[in-house]
């Protein structure tokens, strides 16, 4: 399966993410949802720092997945894992940028 490099914008920062061509639309949707959720948490003023905001969103989404009406399918779990992996990669790159 070939991968394209897709640029998504989250919290005014651009991230390059490897993504199969047939999943680009879903990746953009996920990035837009993540951006919205992170902005909502930031606007609450209770959480400071991009990494902490991202972790709060991840915790909220995981909680909803676990408690949102039964068992998640394998496809759902795989999808969440892929998004988590991409988020981890983006956060790692962000930390590297902040260090430099």
PDB file of N, CA and C in Angstrom:
ATOM      1  N   UNK A   1       0.847  -1.165   0.000  1.00  0.00           N
ATOM      2  CA  UNK A   1       0.000   0.000   0.000  1.00  0.00           C
ATOM      3  C   UNK A   1       0.902   1.241   0.000  1.00  0.00           C
ATOM      4  N   UNK A   2       0.727   2.104  -0.991  1.00  0.00           N
ATOM      5  CA  UNK A   2       1.574   3.291  -1.087  1.00  0.00           C
ATOM      6  C   UNK A   2       1.100   4.355  -0.107  1.00  0.00           C
ATOM      7  N   UNK A   3       2.019   5.212   0.278  1.00  0.00           N
ATOM      8  CA  UNK A   3       1.733   6.272   1.244  1.00  0.00           C
ATOM      9  C   UNK A   3       1.993   7.623   0.584  1.00  0.00           C
ATOM     10  N   UNK A   4       1.126   8.566   0.829  1.00  0.00           N
ATOM     11  CA  UNK A   4       1.337   9.951   0.440  1.00  0.00           C
ATOM     12  C   UNK A   4       1.697  10.722   1.689  1.00  0.00           C
ATOM     13  N   UNK A   5       2.415  11.809   1.510  1.00  0.00           N
ATOM     14  CA  UNK A   5       2.647  12.713   2.625  1.00  0.00           C
ATOM     15  C   UNK A   5       1.568  13.776   2.568  1.00  0.00           C
ATOM     16  N   UNK A   6       0.795  13.850   3.624  1.00  0.00           N
ATOM     17  CA  UNK A   6      -0.320  14.780   3.706  1.00  0.00           C
ATOM     18  C   UNK A   6       0.000  15.804   4.781  1.00  0.00           C
ATOM     19  N   UNK A   7      -0.294  17.059   4.495  1.00  0.00           N
ATOM     20  CA  UNK A   7      -0.081  18.115   5.481  1.00  0.00           C
ATOM     21  C   UNK A   7      -1.416  18.448   6.119  1.00  0.00           C
ATOM     22  N   UNK A   8      -1.457  18.370   7.447  1.00  0.00           N
ATOM     23  CA  UNK A   8      -2.652  18.767   8.200  1.00  0.00           C
ATOM     24  C   UNK A   8      -2.262  19.912   9.115  1.00  0.00           C
ATOM     25  N   UNK A   9      -3.220  20.748   9.415  1.00  0.00           N
ATOM     26  CA  UNK A   9      -2.976  21.913  10.259  1.00  0.00           C
ATOM     27  C   UNK A   9      -3.787  21.755  11.541  1.00  0.00           C
ATOM     28  N   UNK A  10      -3.068  21.760  12.661  1.00  0.00           N
ATOM     29  CA  UNK A  10      -3.700  21.613  13.972  1.00  0.00           C
ATOM     30  C   UNK A  10      -3.129  22.682  14.881  1.00  0.00           C
ATOM     31  N   UNK A  11      -4.008  23.479  15.459  1.00  0.00           N
ATOM     32  CA  UNK A  11      -3.599  24.540  16.381  1.00  0.00           C
ATOM     33  C   UNK A  11      -2.539  25.445  15.734  1.00  0.00           C
ATOM     34  N   UNK A  12      -2.792  25.826  14.494  1.00  0.00           N
ATOM     35  CA  UNK A  12      -1.932  26.747  13.743  1.00  0.00           C
ATOM     36  C   UNK A  12      -0.540  26.191  13.456  1.00  0.00           C
ATOM     37  N   UNK A  13      -0.383  24.900  13.532  1.00  0.00           N
ATOM     38  CA  UNK A  13       0.884  24.265  13.196  1.00  0.00           C
ATOM     39  C   UNK A  13       0.624  23.219  12.114  1.00  0.00           C
ATOM     40  N   UNK A  14       1.565  23.111  11.184  1.00  0.00           N
ATOM     41  CA  UNK A  14       1.432  22.128  10.127  1.00  0.00           C
ATOM     42  C   UNK A  14       2.205  20.860  10.485  1.00  0.00           C
ATOM     43  N   UNK A  15       1.585  19.735  10.181  1.00  0.00           N
ATOM     44  CA  UNK A  15       2.192  18.440  10.431  1.00  0.00           C
ATOM     45  C   UNK A  15       2.139  17.620   9.150  1.00  0.00           C
ATOM     46  N   UNK A  16       3.245  16.982   8.813  1.00  0.00           N
ATOM     47  CA  UNK A  16       3.289  16.081   7.676  1.00  0.00           C
ATOM     48  C   UNK A  16       3.039  14.668   8.188  1.00  0.00           C
ATOM     49  N   UNK A  17       2.064  14.011   7.572  1.00  0.00           N
ATOM     50  CA  UNK A  17       1.674  12.681   8.030  1.00  0.00           C
ATOM     51  C   UNK A  17       1.626  11.743   6.832  1.00  0.00           C
ATOM     52  N   UNK A  18       2.237  10.583   6.968  1.00  0.00           N
ATOM     53  CA  UNK A  18       2.150   9.560   5.921  1.00  0.00           C
ATOM     54  C   UNK A  18       0.759   8.945   5.973  1.00  0.00           C
ATOM     55  N   UNK A  19       0.143   8.820   4.797  1.00  0.00           N
ATOM     56  CA  UNK A  19      -1.243   8.358   4.763  1.00  0.00           C
ATOM     57  C   UNK A  19      -1.515   7.683   3.418  1.00  0.00           C
ATOM     58  N   UNK A  20      -2.191   6.530   3.430  1.00  0.00           N
ATOM     59  CA  UNK A  20      -2.596   5.915   2.163  1.00  0.00           C
ATOM     60  C   UNK A  20      -3.540   6.857   1.417  1.00  0.00           C
ATOM     61  N   UNK A  21      -3.452   6.902   0.096  1.00  0.00           N
ATOM     62  CA  UNK A  21      -4.282   7.830  -0.678  1.00  0.00           C
ATOM     63  C   UNK A  21      -5.779   7.709  -0.394  1.00  0.00           C
ATOM     64  N   UNK A  22      -6.250   6.499  -0.179  1.00  0.00           N
ATOM     65  CA  UNK A  22      -7.687   6.314   0.036  1.00  0.00           C
ATOM     66  C   UNK A  22      -8.153   6.727   1.430  1.00  0.00           C
ATOM     67  N   UNK A  23      -7.220   7.158   2.294  1.00  0.00           N
ATOM     68  CA  UNK A  23      -7.597   7.573   3.644  1.00  0.00           C
ATOM     69  C   UNK A  23      -7.344   9.059   3.903  1.00  0.00           C
ATOM     70  N   UNK A  24      -6.976   9.805   2.857  1.00  0.00           N
ATOM     71  CA  UNK A  24      -6.655  11.219   3.026  1.00  0.00           C
ATOM     72  C   UNK A  24      -7.848  12.019   3.543  1.00  0.00           C
ATOM     73  N   UNK A  25      -9.018  11.790   2.978  1.00  0.00           N
ATOM     74  CA  UNK A  25     -10.206  12.539   3.406  1.00  0.00           C
ATOM     75  C   UNK A  25     -10.484  12.292   4.886  1.00  0.00           C
ATOM     76  N   UNK A  26     -10.376  11.042   5.310  1.00  0.00           N
ATOM     77  CA  UNK A  26     -10.589  10.719   6.718  1.00  0.00           C
ATOM     78  C   UNK A  26      -9.553  11.362   7.618  1.00  0.00           C
ATOM     79  N   UNK A  27      -8.309  11.415   7.154  1.00  0.00           N
ATOM     80  CA  UNK A  27      -7.250  12.059   7.930  1.00  0.00           C
ATOM     81  C   UNK A  27      -7.544  13.547   8.095  1.00  0.00           C
ATOM     82  N   UNK A  28      -7.983  14.199   7.013  1.00  0.00           N
ATOM     83  CA  UNK A  28      -8.319  15.622   7.102  1.00  0.00           C
ATOM     84  C   UNK A  28      -9.500  15.852   8.055  1.00  0.00           C
ATOM     85  N   UNK A  29     -10.476  14.961   8.009  1.00  0.00           N
ATOM     86  CA  UNK A  29     -11.618  15.059   8.938  1.00  0.00           C
ATOM     87  C   UNK A  29     -11.145  14.896  10.375  1.00  0.00           C
ATOM     88  N   UNK A  30     -10.286  13.913  10.611  1.00  0.00           N
ATOM     89  CA  UNK A  30      -9.772  13.673  11.959  1.00  0.00           C
ATOM     90  C   UNK A  30      -8.966  14.871  12.445  1.00  0.00           C
ATOM     91  N   UNK A  31      -8.146  15.446  11.572  1.00  0.00           N
ATOM     92  CA  UNK A  31      -7.343  16.615  11.945  1.00  0.00           C
ATOM     93  C   UNK A  31      -8.239  17.806  12.275  1.00  0.00           C
ATOM     94  N   UNK A  32      -9.288  18.000  11.497  1.00  0.00           N
ATOM     95  CA  UNK A  32     -10.216  19.112  11.757  1.00  0.00           C
ATOM     96  C   UNK A  32     -10.936  18.911  13.090  1.00  0.00           C
ATOM     97  N   UNK A  33     -11.335  17.680  13.355  1.00  0.00           N
ATOM     98  CA  UNK A  33     -12.009  17.391  14.629  1.00  0.00           C
ATOM     99  C   UNK A  33     -11.049  17.593  15.800  1.00  0.00           C
ATOM    100  N   UNK A  34      -9.820  17.101  15.653  1.00  0.00           N
ATOM    101  CA  UNK A  34      -8.815  17.262  16.696  1.00  0.00           C
ATOM    102  C   UNK A  34      -8.535  18.738  16.945  1.00  0.00           C
ATOM    103  N   UNK A  35      -8.393  19.512  15.874  1.00  0.00           N
ATOM    104  CA  UNK A  35      -8.147  20.944  16.005  1.00  0.00           C
ATOM    105  C   UNK A  35      -9.286  21.608  16.779  1.00  0.00           C
ATOM    106  N   UNK A  36     -10.512  21.270  16.429  1.00  0.00           N
ATOM    107  CA  UNK A  36     -11.681  21.855  17.109  1.00  0.00           C
ATOM    108  C   UNK A  36     -11.682  21.492  18.598  1.00  0.00           C
ATOM    109  N   UNK A  37     -11.443  20.218  18.894  1.00  0.00           N
ATOM    110  CA  UNK A  37     -11.453  19.773  20.285  1.00  0.00           C
ATOM    111  C   UNK A  37     -10.332  20.439  21.083  1.00  0.00           C
ATOM    112  N   UNK A  38      -9.162  20.548  20.479  1.00  0.00           N
ATOM    113  CA  UNK A  38      -8.039  21.175  21.180  1.00  0.00           C
ATOM    114  C   UNK A  38      -8.314  22.659  21.435  1.00  0.00           C
ATOM    115  N   UNK A  39      -8.907  23.331  20.463  1.00  0.00           N
ATOM    116  CA  UNK A  39      -9.237  24.748  20.644  1.00  0.00           C
ATOM    117  C   UNK A  39     -10.286  24.940  21.746  1.00  0.00           C
ATOM    118  N   UNK A  40     -11.246  24.019  21.814  1.00  0.00           N
ATOM    119  CA  UNK A  40     -12.257  24.108  22.872  1.00  0.00           C
ATOM    120  C   UNK A  40     -11.618  23.956  24.251  1.00  0.00           C
ATOM    121  N   UNK A  41     -10.709  23.009  24.387  1.00  0.00           N
ATOM    122  CA  UNK A  41     -10.040  22.816  25.675  1.00  0.00           C
ATOM    123  C   UNK A  41      -9.165  24.018  26.000  1.00  0.00           C
ATOM    124  N   UNK A  42      -8.446  24.524  25.003  1.00  0.00           N
ATOM    125  CA  UNK A  42      -7.596  25.695  25.239  1.00  0.00           C
ATOM    126  C   UNK A  42      -8.439  26.898  25.667  1.00  0.00           C
ATOM    127  N   UNK A  43      -9.595  27.081  25.029  1.00  0.00           N
ATOM    128  CA  UNK A  43     -10.430  28.246  25.355  1.00  0.00           C
ATOM    129  C   UNK A  43     -11.047  28.148  26.746  1.00  0.00           C
ATOM    130  N   UNK A  44     -11.103  26.940  27.309  1.00  0.00           N
ATOM    131  CA  UNK A  44     -11.626  26.801  28.668  1.00  0.00           C
ATOM    132  C   UNK A  44     -10.676  27.439  29.680  1.00  0.00           C
ATOM    133  N   UNK A  45      -9.401  27.545  29.293  1.00  0.00           N
ATOM    134  CA  UNK A  45      -8.406  28.155  30.163  1.00  0.00           C
ATOM    135  C   UNK A  45      -7.925  27.267  31.287  1.00  0.00           C
ATOM    136  N   UNK A  46      -8.419  26.033  31.345  1.00  0.00           N
ATOM    137  CA  UNK A  46      -8.050  25.142  32.442  1.00  0.00           C
ATOM    138  C   UNK A  46      -6.795  24.324  32.150  1.00  0.00           C
ATOM    139  N   UNK A  47      -6.429  24.217  30.874  1.00  0.00           N
ATOM    140  CA  UNK A  47      -5.272  23.416  30.491  1.00  0.00           C
ATOM    141  C   UNK A  47      -4.355  24.295  29.651  1.00  0.00           C
ATOM    142  N   UNK A  48      -3.086  24.310  30.010  1.00  0.00           N
ATOM    143  CA  UNK A  48      -2.116  25.131  29.303  1.00  0.00           C
ATOM    144  C   UNK A  48      -1.053  24.229  28.693  1.00  0.00           C
ATOM    145  N   UNK A  49      -0.667  24.531  27.485  1.00  0.00           N
ATOM    146  CA  UNK A  49       0.386  23.786  26.802  1.00  0.00           C
ATOM    147  C   UNK A  49      -0.198  22.848  25.769  1.00  0.00           C
ATOM    148  N   UNK A  50       0.368  22.909  24.584  1.00  0.00           N
ATOM    149  CA  UNK A  50      -0.142  22.126  23.463  1.00  0.00           C
ATOM    150  C   UNK A  50      -0.144  20.631  23.749  1.00  0.00           C
ATOM    151  N   UNK A  51       0.924  20.134  24.342  1.00  0.00           N
ATOM    152  CA  UNK A  51       1.004  18.701  24.621  1.00  0.00           C
ATOM    153  C   UNK A  51      -0.059  18.282  25.637  1.00  0.00           C
ATOM    154  N   UNK A  52      -0.261  19.068  26.674  1.00  0.00           N
ATOM    155  CA  UNK A  52      -1.276  18.730  27.683  1.00  0.00           C
ATOM    156  C   UNK A  52      -2.677  18.781  27.081  1.00  0.00           C
ATOM    157  N   UNK A  53      -2.909  19.757  26.214  1.00  0.00           N
ATOM    158  CA  UNK A  53      -4.216  19.856  25.550  1.00  0.00           C
ATOM    159  C   UNK A  53      -4.448  18.616  24.696  1.00  0.00           C
ATOM    160  N   UNK A  54      -3.428  18.203  23.940  1.00  0.00           N
ATOM    161  CA  UNK A  54      -3.553  17.011  23.091  1.00  0.00           C
ATOM    162  C   UNK A  54      -3.834  15.766  23.927  1.00  0.00           C
ATOM    163  N   UNK A  55      -3.178  15.659  25.075  1.00  0.00           N
ATOM    164  CA  UNK A  55      -3.401  14.506  25.947  1.00  0.00           C
ATOM    165  C   UNK A  55      -4.828  14.519  26.488  1.00  0.00           C
ATOM    166  N   UNK A  56      -5.334  15.683  26.852  1.00  0.00           N
ATOM    167  CA  UNK A  56      -6.718  15.766  27.345  1.00  0.00           C
ATOM    168  C   UNK A  56      -7.703  15.333  26.263  1.00  0.00           C
ATOM    169  N   UNK A  57      -7.476  15.759  25.029  1.00  0.00           N
ATOM    170  CA  UNK A  57      -8.354  15.340  23.929  1.00  0.00           C
ATOM    171  C   UNK A  57      -8.266  13.829  23.745  1.00  0.00           C
ATOM    172  N   UNK A  58      -7.050  13.288  23.767  1.00  0.00           N
ATOM    173  CA  UNK A  58      -6.883  11.840  23.605  1.00  0.00           C
ATOM    174  C   UNK A  58      -7.593  11.078  24.723  1.00  0.00           C
ATOM    175  N   UNK A  59      -7.465  11.560  25.951  1.00  0.00           N
ATOM    176  CA  UNK A  59      -8.158  10.912  27.073  1.00  0.00           C
ATOM    177  C   UNK A  59      -9.673  10.988  26.912  1.00  0.00           C
ATOM    178  N   UNK A  60     -10.173  12.164  26.537  1.00  0.00           N
ATOM    179  CA  UNK A  60     -11.620  12.315  26.337  1.00  0.00           C
ATOM    180  C   UNK A  60     -12.125  11.377  25.249  1.00  0.00           C
ATOM    181  N   UNK A  61     -11.407  11.325  24.128  1.00  0.00           N
ATOM    182  CA  UNK A  61     -11.845  10.464  23.026  1.00  0.00           C
ATOM    183  C   UNK A  61     -11.769   8.989  23.390  1.00  0.00           C
ATOM    184  N   UNK A  62     -10.727   8.610  24.111  1.00  0.00           N
ATOM    185  CA  UNK A  62     -10.601   7.215  24.532  1.00  0.00           C
ATOM    186  C   UNK A  62     -11.713   6.842  25.504  1.00  0.00           C
ATOM    187  N   UNK A  63     -12.003   7.741  26.432  1.00  0.00           N
ATOM    188  CA  UNK A  63     -13.092   7.495  27.372  1.00  0.00           C
ATOM    189  C   UNK A  63     -14.409   7.310  26.624  1.00  0.00           C
ATOM    190  N   UNK A  64     -14.682   8.192  25.664  1.00  0.00           N
ATOM    191  CA  UNK A  64     -15.919   8.078  24.883  1.00  0.00           C
ATOM    192  C   UNK A  64     -15.958   6.771  24.105  1.00  0.00           C
ATOM    193  N   UNK A  65     -14.831   6.366  23.558  1.00  0.00           N
ATOM    194  CA  UNK A  65     -14.784   5.123  22.801  1.00  0.00           C
ATOM    195  C   UNK A  65     -15.071   3.931  23.706  1.00  0.00           C
ATOM    196  N   UNK A  66     -14.451   3.936  24.877  1.00  0.00           N
ATOM    197  CA  UNK A  66     -14.631   2.824  25.809  1.00  0.00           C
ATOM    198  C   UNK A  66     -16.052   2.781  26.364  1.00  0.00           C
ATOM    199  N   UNK A  67     -16.615   3.934  26.660  1.00  0.00           N
ATOM    200  CA  UNK A  67     -17.918   3.988  27.330  1.00  0.00           C
ATOM    201  C   UNK A  67     -19.061   4.388  26.417  1.00  0.00           C
ATOM    202  N   UNK A  68     -18.812   4.465  25.144  1.00  0.00           N
ATOM    203  CA  UNK A  68     -19.827   4.987  24.229  1.00  0.00           C
ATOM    204  C   UNK A  68     -20.692   3.949  23.574  1.00  0.00           C
ATOM    205  N   UNK A  69     -21.289   3.095  24.328  1.00  0.00           N
ATOM    206  CA  UNK A  69     -22.275   2.192  23.747  1.00  0.00           C
ATOM    207  C   UNK A  69     -21.741   0.837  23.342  1.00  0.00           C
ATOM    208  N   UNK A  70     -20.912   0.245  24.128  1.00  0.00           N
ATOM    209  CA  UNK A  70     -20.519  -1.126  23.848  1.00  0.00           C
ATOM    210  C   UNK A  70     -19.097  -1.262  23.364  1.00  0.00           C
ATOM    211  N   UNK A  71     -18.815  -2.445  22.876  1.00  0.00           N
ATOM    212  CA  UNK A  71     -17.469  -2.791  22.450  1.00  0.00           C
ATOM    213  C   UNK A  71     -17.116  -2.116  21.135  1.00  0.00           C
ATOM    214  N   UNK A  72     -15.909  -1.649  21.061  1.00  0.00           N
ATOM    215  CA  UNK A  72     -15.397  -1.116  19.802  1.00  0.00           C
ATOM    216  C   UNK A  72     -15.024  -2.289  18.911  1.00  0.00           C
ATOM    217  N   UNK A  73     -15.272  -2.153  17.637  1.00  0.00           N
ATOM    218  CA  UNK A  73     -14.894  -3.209  16.704  1.00  0.00           C
ATOM    219  C   UNK A  73     -13.382  -3.200  16.510  1.00  0.00           C
ATOM    220  N   UNK A  74     -12.862  -4.255  15.930  1.00  0.00           N
ATOM    221  CA  UNK A  74     -11.435  -4.302  15.639  1.00  0.00           C
ATOM    222  C   UNK A  74     -11.058  -3.167  14.713  1.00  0.00           C
ATOM    223  N   UNK A  75     -11.908  -2.862  13.739  1.00  0.00           N
ATOM    224  CA  UNK A  75     -11.629  -1.759  12.815  1.00  0.00           C
ATOM    225  C   UNK A  75     -11.559  -0.437  13.567  1.00  0.00           C
ATOM    226  N   UNK A  76     -12.448  -0.247  14.553  1.00  0.00           N
ATOM    227  CA  UNK A  76     -12.410   0.972  15.364  1.00  0.00           C
ATOM    228  C   UNK A  76     -11.119   1.049  16.166  1.00  0.00           C
ATOM    229  N   UNK A  77     -10.745  -0.057  16.783  1.00  0.00           N
ATOM    230  CA  UNK A  77      -9.506  -0.082  17.565  1.00  0.00           C
ATOM    231  C   UNK A  77      -8.292   0.182  16.684  1.00  0.00           C
ATOM    232  N   UNK A  78      -8.285  -0.426  15.499  1.00  0.00           N
ATOM    233  CA  UNK A  78      -7.177  -0.197  14.564  1.00  0.00           C
ATOM    234  C   UNK A  78      -7.131   1.263  14.132  1.00  0.00           C
ATOM    235  N   UNK A  79      -8.293   1.829  13.885  1.00  0.00           N
ATOM    236  CA  UNK A  79      -8.360   3.230  13.477  1.00  0.00           C
ATOM    237  C   UNK A  79      -7.848   4.141  14.586  1.00  0.00           C
ATOM    238  N   UNK A  80      -8.256   3.882  15.816  1.00  0.00           N
ATOM    239  CA  UNK A  80      -7.797   4.679  16.951  1.00  0.00           C
ATOM    240  C   UNK A  80      -6.290   4.523  17.113  1.00  0.00           C
ATOM    241  N   UNK A  81      -5.787   3.310  16.932  1.00  0.00           N
ATOM    242  CA  UNK A  81      -4.342   3.096  17.046  1.00  0.00           C
ATOM    243  C   UNK A  81      -3.599   3.899  15.987  1.00  0.00           C
ATOM    244  N   UNK A  82      -4.092   3.889  14.746  1.00  0.00           N
ATOM    245  CA  UNK A  82      -3.428   4.659  13.691  1.00  0.00           C
ATOM    246  C   UNK A  82      -3.420   6.146  14.016  1.00  0.00           C
ATOM    247  N   UNK A  83      -4.546   6.659  14.482  1.00  0.00           N
ATOM    248  CA  UNK A  83      -4.619   8.080  14.838  1.00  0.00           C
ATOM    249  C   UNK A  83      -3.687   8.371  16.005  1.00  0.00           C
ATOM    250  N   UNK A  84      -3.673   7.501  17.019  1.00  0.00           N
ATOM    251  CA  UNK A  84      -2.764   7.696  18.156  1.00  0.00           C
ATOM    252  C   UNK A  84      -1.307   7.675  17.710  1.00  0.00           C
ATOM    253  N   UNK A  85      -0.963   6.754  16.809  1.00  0.00           N
ATOM    254  CA  UNK A  85       0.407   6.693  16.307  1.00  0.00           C
ATOM    255  C   UNK A  85       0.776   7.987  15.584  1.00  0.00           C
ATOM    256  N   UNK A  86      -0.149   8.487  14.772  1.00  0.00           N
ATOM    257  CA  UNK A  86       0.107   9.735  14.046  1.00  0.00           C
ATOM    258  C   UNK A  86       0.215  10.905  15.017  1.00  0.00           C
ATOM    259  N   UNK A  87      -0.612  10.907  16.045  1.00  0.00           N
ATOM    260  CA  UNK A  87      -0.554  11.964  17.046  1.00  0.00           C
ATOM    261  C   UNK A  87       0.772  11.914  17.800  1.00  0.00           C
ATOM    262  N   UNK A  88       1.200  10.729  18.168  1.00  0.00           N
ATOM    263  CA  UNK A  88       2.483  10.574  18.850  1.00  0.00           C
ATOM    264  C   UNK A  88       3.629  11.092  17.981  1.00  0.00           C
ATOM    265  N   UNK A  89       3.579  10.749  16.697  1.00  0.00           N
ATOM    266  CA  UNK A  89       4.619  11.211  15.773  1.00  0.00           C
ATOM    267  C   UNK A  89       4.602  12.737  15.666  1.00  0.00           C
ATOM    268  N   UNK A  90       3.419  13.319  15.558  1.00  0.00           N
ATOM    269  CA  UNK A  90       3.309  14.772  15.452  1.00  0.00           C
ATOM    270  C   UNK A  90       3.782  15.450  16.728  1.00  0.00           C
ATOM    271  N   UNK A  91       3.424  14.905  17.891  1.00  0.00           N
ATOM    272  CA  UNK A  91       3.871  15.478  19.155  1.00  0.00           C
ATOM    273  C   UNK A  91       5.387  15.374  19.304  1.00  0.00           C
ATOM    274  N   UNK A  92       5.950  14.268  18.859  1.00  0.00           N
ATOM    275  CA  UNK A  92       7.403  14.114  18.914  1.00  0.00           C
ATOM    276  C   UNK A  92       8.073  15.188  18.064  1.00  0.00           C
ATOM    277  N   UNK A  93       7.548  15.414  16.862  1.00  0.00           N
ATOM    278  CA  UNK A  93       8.115  16.445  15.986  1.00  0.00           C
ATOM    279  C   UNK A  93       7.941  17.832  16.605  1.00  0.00           C
ATOM    280  N   UNK A  94       6.801  18.064  17.232  1.00  0.00           N
ATOM    281  CA  UNK A  94       6.563  19.349  17.879  1.00  0.00           C
ATOM    282  C   UNK A  94       7.568  19.572  19.008  1.00  0.00           C
ATOM    283  N   UNK A  95       7.790  18.544  19.821  1.00  0.00           N
ATOM    284  CA  UNK A  95       8.765  18.661  20.914  1.00  0.00           C
ATOM    285  C   UNK A  95      10.161  18.963  20.368  1.00  0.00           C
ATOM    286  N   UNK A  96      10.497  18.335  19.253  1.00  0.00           N
ATOM    287  CA  UNK A  96      11.802  18.588  18.640  1.00  0.00           C
ATOM    288  C   UNK A  96      11.905  20.036  18.174  1.00  0.00           C
ATOM    289  N   UNK A  97      10.829  20.573  17.598  1.00  0.00           N
ATOM    290  CA  UNK A  97      10.831  21.974  17.166  1.00  0.00           C
ATOM    291  C   UNK A  97      10.951  22.916  18.349  1.00  0.00           C
ATOM    292  N   UNK A  98      10.281  22.590  19.455  1.00  0.00           N
ATOM    293  CA  UNK A  98      10.313  23.445  20.631  1.00  0.00           C
ATOM    294  C   UNK A  98      11.690  23.438  21.276  1.00  0.00           C
ATOM    295  N   UNK A  99      12.429  22.335  21.157  1.00  0.00           N
ATOM    296  CA  UNK A  99      13.768  22.232  21.730  1.00  0.00           C
ATOM    297  C   UNK A  99      14.738  23.119  20.954  1.00  0.00           C
ATOM    298  N   UNK A 100      14.569  23.158  19.644  1.00  0.00           N
ATOM    299  CA  UNK A 100      15.497  23.936  18.790  1.00  0.00           C
ATOM    300  C   UNK A 100      15.194  25.371  18.807  1.00  0.00           C
TER     301      UNK A 100
END
